Amino acid sequence: MRRLFAALSLLALAACASPTRDLEGPTDPLGDFRIGHIGVVAPNLQKLLVSRDVSQEEWIAVMTQVLETRFSRFEGDKYYHLGISVEAYSLPPPIIPGKSALALNVTVWDDAAQAKLNTEPKQIQVIKVFESRISKDRDQQLQELAEEAARQIELWLREMQESDGWFAGSPDAALPAVPMVTDTPLSASATARGPAVGTPLPGR
């Protein structure tokens, strides 16, 4: 019984940890990964259960911001693009039972090869099990869901680097720094799948 309580306590502490805590220390390179284009869309956004409203524009803005913060740290020698489609969310008011949640699809695009690394979009799901919705307002909950989703995307990319050899080139910064492109000239469906072959990107 004591072991069970100890395990639950550790799980609670892990769940309460800031999703951006890992950004405070030195950056562990991600192979040859350098972020190019970030395209976030939400054409099929669903509000689940009893939830406060969050617009497509709000999700696009907050996800773009947290992805920029997390992935601009990497200075590899190849550009990769992220296509993100926000699919569903739940943001219950403080007095309503339920869990905050977010689901999105992710596609990674290899700029040099003009090809997707993952044929099928990867679904990322965030569920806040241990959270105090009384001590946090709507915007704080929204921000933390987005930050946790971005953290899980990085963890998935590292798993794919290990298992499938993604980003296998040099982590040395051989390319000049370029402004990240975060406006989305692509259609919603195309961004969710990744840019079409031959699609020129601004500034490239």
C-alpha atoms as a PDB file:
ATOM      1  CA  MET A   1       0.000   0.000   0.000  1.00  0.00           C
ATOM      2  CA  ARG A   2       2.862   2.367   0.852  1.00  0.00           C
ATOM      3  CA  ARG A   3       4.434   1.634  -2.525  1.00  0.00           C
ATOM      4  CA  LEU A   4       1.147   2.469  -4.244  1.00  0.00           C
ATOM      5  CA  PHE A   5       0.894   5.807  -2.436  1.00  0.00           C
ATOM      6  CA  ALA A   6       4.534   6.548  -3.271  1.00  0.00           C
ATOM      7  CA  ALA A   7       3.947   5.765  -6.951  1.00  0.00           C
ATOM      8  CA  LEU A   8       0.857   7.980  -7.037  1.00  0.00           C
ATOM      9  CA  SER A   9       2.779  10.796  -5.356  1.00  0.00           C
ATOM     10  CA  LEU A  10       5.559  10.588  -7.935  1.00  0.00           C
ATOM     11  CA  LEU A  11       3.016  10.568 -10.755  1.00  0.00           C
ATOM     12  CA  ALA A  12       1.320  13.631  -9.317  1.00  0.00           C
ATOM     13  CA  LEU A  13       4.632  15.475  -9.014  1.00  0.00           C
ATOM     14  CA  ALA A  14       5.569  14.579 -12.589  1.00  0.00           C
ATOM     15  CA  ALA A  15       2.176  15.726 -13.850  1.00  0.00           C
ATOM     16  CA  CYS A  16       2.499  19.030 -11.975  1.00  0.00           C
ATOM     17  CA  ALA A  17       6.002  19.748 -13.323  1.00  0.00           C
ATOM     18  CA  SER A  18       6.248  22.609 -15.771  1.00  0.00           C
ATOM     19  CA  PRO A  19       6.269  21.381 -19.397  1.00  0.00           C
ATOM     20  CA  THR A  20       8.972  23.958 -20.161  1.00  0.00           C
ATOM     21  CA  ARG A  21      11.341  23.026 -17.329  1.00  0.00           C
ATOM     22  CA  ASP A  22      13.590  21.139 -19.756  1.00  0.00           C
ATOM     23  CA  LEU A  23      14.109  24.359 -21.743  1.00  0.00           C
ATOM     24  CA  GLU A  24      15.988  25.935 -18.849  1.00  0.00           C
ATOM     25  CA  GLY A  25      19.133  23.789 -19.181  1.00  0.00           C
ATOM     26  CA  PRO A  26      21.584  23.204 -22.047  1.00  0.00           C
ATOM     27  CA  THR A  27      20.042  22.065 -25.319  1.00  0.00           C
ATOM     28  CA  ASP A  28      20.669  18.445 -26.289  1.00  0.00           C
ATOM     29  CA  PRO A  29      21.056  18.515 -30.116  1.00  0.00           C
ATOM     30  CA  LEU A  30      18.501  16.697 -32.250  1.00  0.00           C
ATOM     31  CA  GLY A  31      20.817  15.376 -34.966  1.00  0.00           C
ATOM     32  CA  ASP A  32      20.800  17.618 -38.034  1.00  0.00           C
ATOM     33  CA  PHE A  33      17.397  19.117 -37.178  1.00  0.00           C
ATOM     34  CA  ARG A  34      16.820  22.826 -37.728  1.00  0.00           C
ATOM     35  CA  ILE A  35      13.300  24.217 -37.836  1.00  0.00           C
ATOM     36  CA  GLY A  36      12.134  25.778 -41.070  1.00  0.00           C
ATOM     37  CA  HIS A  37       8.413  26.306 -41.551  1.00  0.00           C
ATOM     38  CA  ILE A  38       5.825  25.885 -38.789  1.00  0.00           C
ATOM     39  CA  GLY A  39       2.305  25.527 -40.168  1.00  0.00           C
ATOM     40  CA  VAL A  40      -0.504  25.277 -37.627  1.00  0.00           C
ATOM     41  CA  VAL A  41      -4.134  24.862 -38.704  1.00  0.00           C
ATOM     42  CA  ALA A  42      -7.377  23.856 -37.030  1.00  0.00           C
ATOM     43  CA  PRO A  43      -9.963  23.230 -39.784  1.00  0.00           C
ATOM     44  CA  ASN A  44     -11.718  20.370 -37.980  1.00  0.00           C
ATOM     45  CA  LEU A  45     -11.482  21.665 -34.421  1.00  0.00           C
ATOM     46  CA  GLN A  46     -13.859  19.946 -31.993  1.00  0.00           C
ATOM     47  CA  LYS A  47     -14.795  21.056 -28.487  1.00  0.00           C
ATOM     48  CA  LEU A  48     -15.281  17.979 -26.319  1.00  0.00           C
ATOM     49  CA  LEU A  49     -17.708  17.545 -23.434  1.00  0.00           C
ATOM     50  CA  VAL A  50     -18.391  20.576 -21.229  1.00  0.00           C
ATOM     51  CA  SER A  51     -15.648  23.016 -22.135  1.00  0.00           C
ATOM     52  CA  ARG A  52     -14.952  26.691 -22.369  1.00  0.00           C
ATOM     53  CA  ASP A  53     -14.614  28.044 -25.886  1.00  0.00           C
ATOM     54  CA  VAL A  54     -11.220  28.415 -27.535  1.00  0.00           C
ATOM     55  CA  SER A  55     -11.230  29.693 -31.106  1.00  0.00           C
ATOM     56  CA  GLN A  56      -9.249  28.284 -34.014  1.00  0.00           C
ATOM     57  CA  GLU A  57      -7.246  31.511 -34.102  1.00  0.00           C
ATOM     58  CA  GLU A  58      -6.315  31.175 -30.421  1.00  0.00           C
ATOM     59  CA  TRP A  59      -5.120  27.595 -30.832  1.00  0.00           C
ATOM     60  CA  ILE A  60      -3.108  28.514 -33.926  1.00  0.00           C
ATOM     61  CA  ALA A  61      -1.469  31.458 -32.155  1.00  0.00           C
ATOM     62  CA  VAL A  62      -0.558  29.633 -28.946  1.00  0.00           C
ATOM     63  CA  MET A  63       0.670  26.473 -30.683  1.00  0.00           C
ATOM     64  CA  THR A  64       2.803  28.482 -33.097  1.00  0.00           C
ATOM     65  CA  GLN A  65       4.362  30.404 -30.208  1.00  0.00           C
ATOM     66  CA  VAL A  66       5.236  27.358 -28.085  1.00  0.00           C
ATOM     67  CA  LEU A  67       6.599  25.442 -31.087  1.00  0.00           C
ATOM     68  CA  GLU A  68       8.811  28.393 -32.026  1.00  0.00           C
ATOM     69  CA  THR A  69      10.139  28.566 -28.474  1.00  0.00           C
ATOM     70  CA  ARG A  70      10.899  24.851 -28.262  1.00  0.00           C
ATOM     71  CA  PHE A  71      12.257  24.079 -31.721  1.00  0.00           C
ATOM     72  CA  SER A  72      14.231  27.244 -32.464  1.00  0.00           C
ATOM     73  CA  ARG A  73      16.804  25.869 -29.968  1.00  0.00           C
ATOM     74  CA  PHE A  74      18.130  23.334 -32.471  1.00  0.00           C
ATOM     75  CA  GLU A  75      20.845  24.383 -34.927  1.00  0.00           C
ATOM     76  CA  GLY A  76      21.420  21.361 -37.133  1.00  0.00           C
ATOM     77  CA  ASP A  77      22.466  21.594 -40.772  1.00  0.00           C
ATOM     78  CA  LYS A  78      19.171  20.582 -42.426  1.00  0.00           C
ATOM     79  CA  TYR A  79      15.786  22.245 -42.444  1.00  0.00           C
ATOM     80  CA  TYR A  80      12.664  20.391 -41.397  1.00  0.00           C
ATOM     81  CA  HIS A  81       9.105  21.704 -41.356  1.00  0.00           C
ATOM     82  CA  LEU A  82       6.286  20.916 -38.938  1.00  0.00           C
ATOM     83  CA  GLY A  83       2.659  20.641 -40.044  1.00  0.00           C
ATOM     84  CA  ILE A  84       0.299  20.712 -37.068  1.00  0.00           C
ATOM     85  CA  SER A  85      -3.464  20.212 -37.180  1.00  0.00           C
ATOM     86  CA  VAL A  86      -5.246  20.910 -33.887  1.00  0.00           C
ATOM     87  CA  GLU A  87      -8.104  18.413 -33.803  1.00  0.00           C
ATOM     88  CA  ALA A  88      -9.903  18.503 -30.437  1.00  0.00           C
ATOM     89  CA  TYR A  89      -9.754  19.999 -26.973  1.00  0.00           C
ATOM     90  CA  SER A  90     -11.480  20.093 -23.606  1.00  0.00           C
ATOM     91  CA  LEU A  91     -11.102  22.983 -21.197  1.00  0.00           C
ATOM     92  CA  PRO A  92     -13.674  22.461 -18.428  1.00  0.00           C
ATOM     93  CA  PRO A  93     -14.600  25.367 -16.125  1.00  0.00           C
ATOM     94  CA  PRO A  94     -13.293  25.079 -12.532  1.00  0.00           C
ATOM     95  CA  ILE A  95     -16.537  23.768 -11.015  1.00  0.00           C
ATOM     96  CA  ILE A  96     -17.250  21.185 -13.729  1.00  0.00           C
ATOM     97  CA  PRO A  97     -15.776  17.662 -13.326  1.00  0.00           C
ATOM     98  CA  GLY A  98     -13.445  16.633 -16.135  1.00  0.00           C
ATOM     99  CA  LYS A  99      -9.903  16.871 -17.437  1.00  0.00           C
ATOM    100  CA  SER A 100      -8.253  19.417 -19.675  1.00  0.00           C
ATOM    101  CA  ALA A 101      -7.199  17.727 -22.897  1.00  0.00           C
ATOM    102  CA  LEU A 102      -5.785  18.405 -26.340  1.00  0.00           C
ATOM    103  CA  ALA A 103      -5.360  16.259 -29.464  1.00  0.00           C
ATOM    104  CA  LEU A 104      -3.408  17.222 -32.547  1.00  0.00           C
ATOM    105  CA  ASN A 105      -1.838  15.618 -35.623  1.00  0.00           C
ATOM    106  CA  VAL A 106       1.791  16.176 -36.565  1.00  0.00           C
ATOM    107  CA  THR A 107       3.604  15.744 -39.864  1.00  0.00           C
ATOM    108  CA  VAL A 108       7.352  16.280 -40.314  1.00  0.00           C
ATOM    109  CA  TRP A 109       8.643  17.409 -43.701  1.00  0.00           C
ATOM    110  CA  ASP A 110      12.235  17.000 -44.917  1.00  0.00           C
ATOM    111  CA  ASP A 111      12.977  20.173 -46.884  1.00  0.00           C
ATOM    112  CA  ALA A 112      15.955  18.816 -48.840  1.00  0.00           C
ATOM    113  CA  ALA A 113      14.152  15.646 -49.901  1.00  0.00           C
ATOM    114  CA  GLN A 114      10.813  17.450 -50.392  1.00  0.00           C
ATOM    115  CA  ALA A 115       9.147  14.501 -48.667  1.00  0.00           C
ATOM    116  CA  LYS A 116       7.309  13.673 -45.475  1.00  0.00           C
ATOM    117  CA  LEU A 117       9.192  11.663 -42.877  1.00  0.00           C
ATOM    118  CA  ASN A 118       5.981  10.140 -41.493  1.00  0.00           C
ATOM    119  CA  THR A 119       3.497   8.873 -44.071  1.00  0.00           C
ATOM    120  CA  GLU A 120       0.606   9.022 -41.625  1.00  0.00           C
ATOM    121  CA  PRO A 121       0.193  11.948 -39.213  1.00  0.00           C
ATOM    122  CA  LYS A 122       1.295  11.288 -35.666  1.00  0.00           C
ATOM    123  CA  GLN A 123      -1.437  11.967 -33.117  1.00  0.00           C
ATOM    124  CA  ILE A 124      -0.335  13.671 -29.936  1.00  0.00           C
ATOM    125  CA  GLN A 125      -2.714  13.586 -26.969  1.00  0.00           C
ATOM    126  CA  VAL A 126      -2.372  15.629 -23.802  1.00  0.00           C
ATOM    127  CA  ILE A 127      -4.547  14.910 -20.768  1.00  0.00           C
ATOM    128  CA  LYS A 128      -4.075  16.907 -17.590  1.00  0.00           C
ATOM    129  CA  VAL A 129      -4.846  14.417 -14.808  1.00  0.00           C
ATOM    130  CA  PHE A 130      -3.533  16.290 -11.776  1.00  0.00           C
ATOM    131  CA  GLU A 131      -4.250  19.971 -12.254  1.00  0.00           C
ATOM    132  CA  SER A 132      -5.868  22.701 -10.223  1.00  0.00           C
ATOM    133  CA  ARG A 133      -8.346  24.473 -12.450  1.00  0.00           C
ATOM    134  CA  ILE A 134      -9.246  26.732  -9.525  1.00  0.00           C
ATOM    135  CA  SER A 135      -5.762  28.215  -9.190  1.00  0.00           C
ATOM    136  CA  LYS A 136      -5.283  28.723 -12.944  1.00  0.00           C
ATOM    137  CA  ASP A 137      -7.310  30.833 -15.321  1.00  0.00           C
ATOM    138  CA  ARG A 138      -8.395  29.832 -18.830  1.00  0.00           C
ATOM    139  CA  ASP A 139      -5.356  31.322 -20.581  1.00  0.00           C
ATOM    140  CA  GLN A 140      -2.924  29.577 -18.229  1.00  0.00           C
ATOM    141  CA  GLN A 141      -4.596  26.225 -18.858  1.00  0.00           C
ATOM    142  CA  LEU A 142      -4.529  26.853 -22.604  1.00  0.00           C
ATOM    143  CA  GLN A 143      -0.829  27.749 -22.514  1.00  0.00           C
ATOM    144  CA  GLU A 144       0.128  24.690 -20.455  1.00  0.00           C
ATOM    145  CA  LEU A 145      -1.782  22.313 -22.735  1.00  0.00           C
ATOM    146  CA  ALA A 146       0.037  23.756 -25.753  1.00  0.00           C
ATOM    147  CA  GLU A 147       3.434  23.626 -24.010  1.00  0.00           C
ATOM    148  CA  GLU A 148       2.931  20.006 -23.014  1.00  0.00           C
ATOM    149  CA  ALA A 149       1.903  19.109 -26.576  1.00  0.00           C
ATOM    150  CA  ALA A 150       5.088  20.741 -27.908  1.00  0.00           C
ATOM    151  CA  ARG A 151       7.165  18.814 -25.356  1.00  0.00           C
ATOM    152  CA  GLN A 152       5.553  15.543 -26.422  1.00  0.00           C
ATOM    153  CA  ILE A 153       6.268  16.347 -30.066  1.00  0.00           C
ATOM    154  CA  GLU A 154       9.961  16.744 -29.219  1.00  0.00           C
ATOM    155  CA  LEU A 155       9.951  13.455 -27.297  1.00  0.00           C
ATOM    156  CA  TRP A 156       8.395  11.723 -30.304  1.00  0.00           C
ATOM    157  CA  LEU A 157      11.000  13.211 -32.664  1.00  0.00           C
ATOM    158  CA  ARG A 158      13.757  11.919 -30.397  1.00  0.00           C
ATOM    159  CA  GLU A 159      12.146   8.473 -30.351  1.00  0.00           C
ATOM    160  CA  MET A 160      12.030   8.459 -34.157  1.00  0.00           C
ATOM    161  CA  GLN A 161      15.658   9.579 -34.309  1.00  0.00           C
ATOM    162  CA  GLU A 162      16.566   6.587 -32.163  1.00  0.00           C
ATOM    163  CA  SER A 163      14.335   3.975 -33.795  1.00  0.00           C
ATOM    164  CA  ASP A 164      14.122   5.071 -37.446  1.00  0.00           C
ATOM    165  CA  GLY A 165      17.274   7.104 -37.944  1.00  0.00           C
ATOM    166  CA  TRP A 166      15.628  10.490 -38.407  1.00  0.00           C
ATOM    167  CA  PHE A 167      17.902  13.575 -38.322  1.00  0.00           C
ATOM    168  CA  ALA A 168      20.965  11.388 -38.741  1.00  0.00           C
ATOM    169  CA  GLY A 169      23.240  14.095 -40.099  1.00  0.00           C
ATOM    170  CA  SER A 170      25.606  16.355 -38.220  1.00  0.00           C
ATOM    171  CA  PRO A 171      24.252  18.543 -35.422  1.00  0.00           C
ATOM    172  CA  ASP A 172      26.800  21.228 -36.317  1.00  0.00           C
ATOM    173  CA  ALA A 173      25.328  24.485 -37.533  1.00  0.00           C
ATOM    174  CA  ALA A 174      26.468  24.546 -41.154  1.00  0.00           C
ATOM    175  CA  LEU A 175      23.574  26.675 -42.429  1.00  0.00           C
ATOM    176  CA  PRO A 176      23.192  30.421 -41.927  1.00  0.00           C
ATOM    177  CA  ALA A 177      20.418  31.407 -39.555  1.00  0.00           C
ATOM    178  CA  VAL A 178      17.222  32.329 -41.360  1.00  0.00           C
ATOM    179  CA  PRO A 179      13.995  33.806 -40.014  1.00  0.00           C
ATOM    180  CA  MET A 180      11.492  31.123 -39.102  1.00  0.00           C
ATOM    181  CA  VAL A 181       8.368  31.176 -41.253  1.00  0.00           C
ATOM    182  CA  THR A 182       5.227  30.859 -39.210  1.00  0.00           C
ATOM    183  CA  ASP A 183       2.578  32.324 -41.462  1.00  0.00           C
ATOM    184  CA  THR A 184       0.712  29.625 -43.358  1.00  0.00           C
ATOM    185  CA  PRO A 185       0.288  30.114 -47.130  1.00  0.00           C
ATOM    186  CA  LEU A 186      -0.816  26.495 -47.528  1.00  0.00           C
ATOM    187  CA  SER A 187      -4.350  25.189 -47.478  1.00  0.00           C
ATOM    188  CA  ALA A 188      -5.552  23.653 -44.220  1.00  0.00           C
ATOM    189  CA  SER A 189      -5.576  20.113 -45.558  1.00  0.00           C
ATOM    190  CA  ALA A 190      -2.164  20.457 -47.180  1.00  0.00           C
ATOM    191  CA  THR A 191      -0.584  21.773 -43.997  1.00  0.00           C
ATOM    192  CA  ALA A 192      -1.903  18.863 -41.972  1.00  0.00           C
ATOM    193  CA  ARG A 193      -0.342  16.469 -44.481  1.00  0.00           C
ATOM    194  CA  GLY A 194       2.816  18.535 -45.068  1.00  0.00           C
ATOM    195  CA  PRO A 195       3.631  20.897 -47.973  1.00  0.00           C
ATOM    196  CA  ALA A 196       3.125  19.565 -51.475  1.00  0.00           C
ATOM    197  CA  VAL A 197       6.238  18.557 -53.372  1.00  0.00           C
ATOM    198  CA  GLY A 198       7.853  21.603 -54.920  1.00  0.00           C
ATOM    199  CA  THR A 199       5.973  24.104 -52.757  1.00  0.00           C
ATOM    200  CA  PRO A 200       8.261  27.134 -52.379  1.00  0.00           C
ATOM    201  CA  LEU A 201       8.587  28.469 -48.864  1.00  0.00           C
ATOM    202  CA  PRO A 202       8.973  32.200 -48.235  1.00  0.00           C
ATOM    203  CA  GLY A 203      12.546  33.248 -47.765  1.00  0.00           C
ATOM    204  CA  ARG A 204      13.888  29.944 -49.099  1.00  0.00           C
END
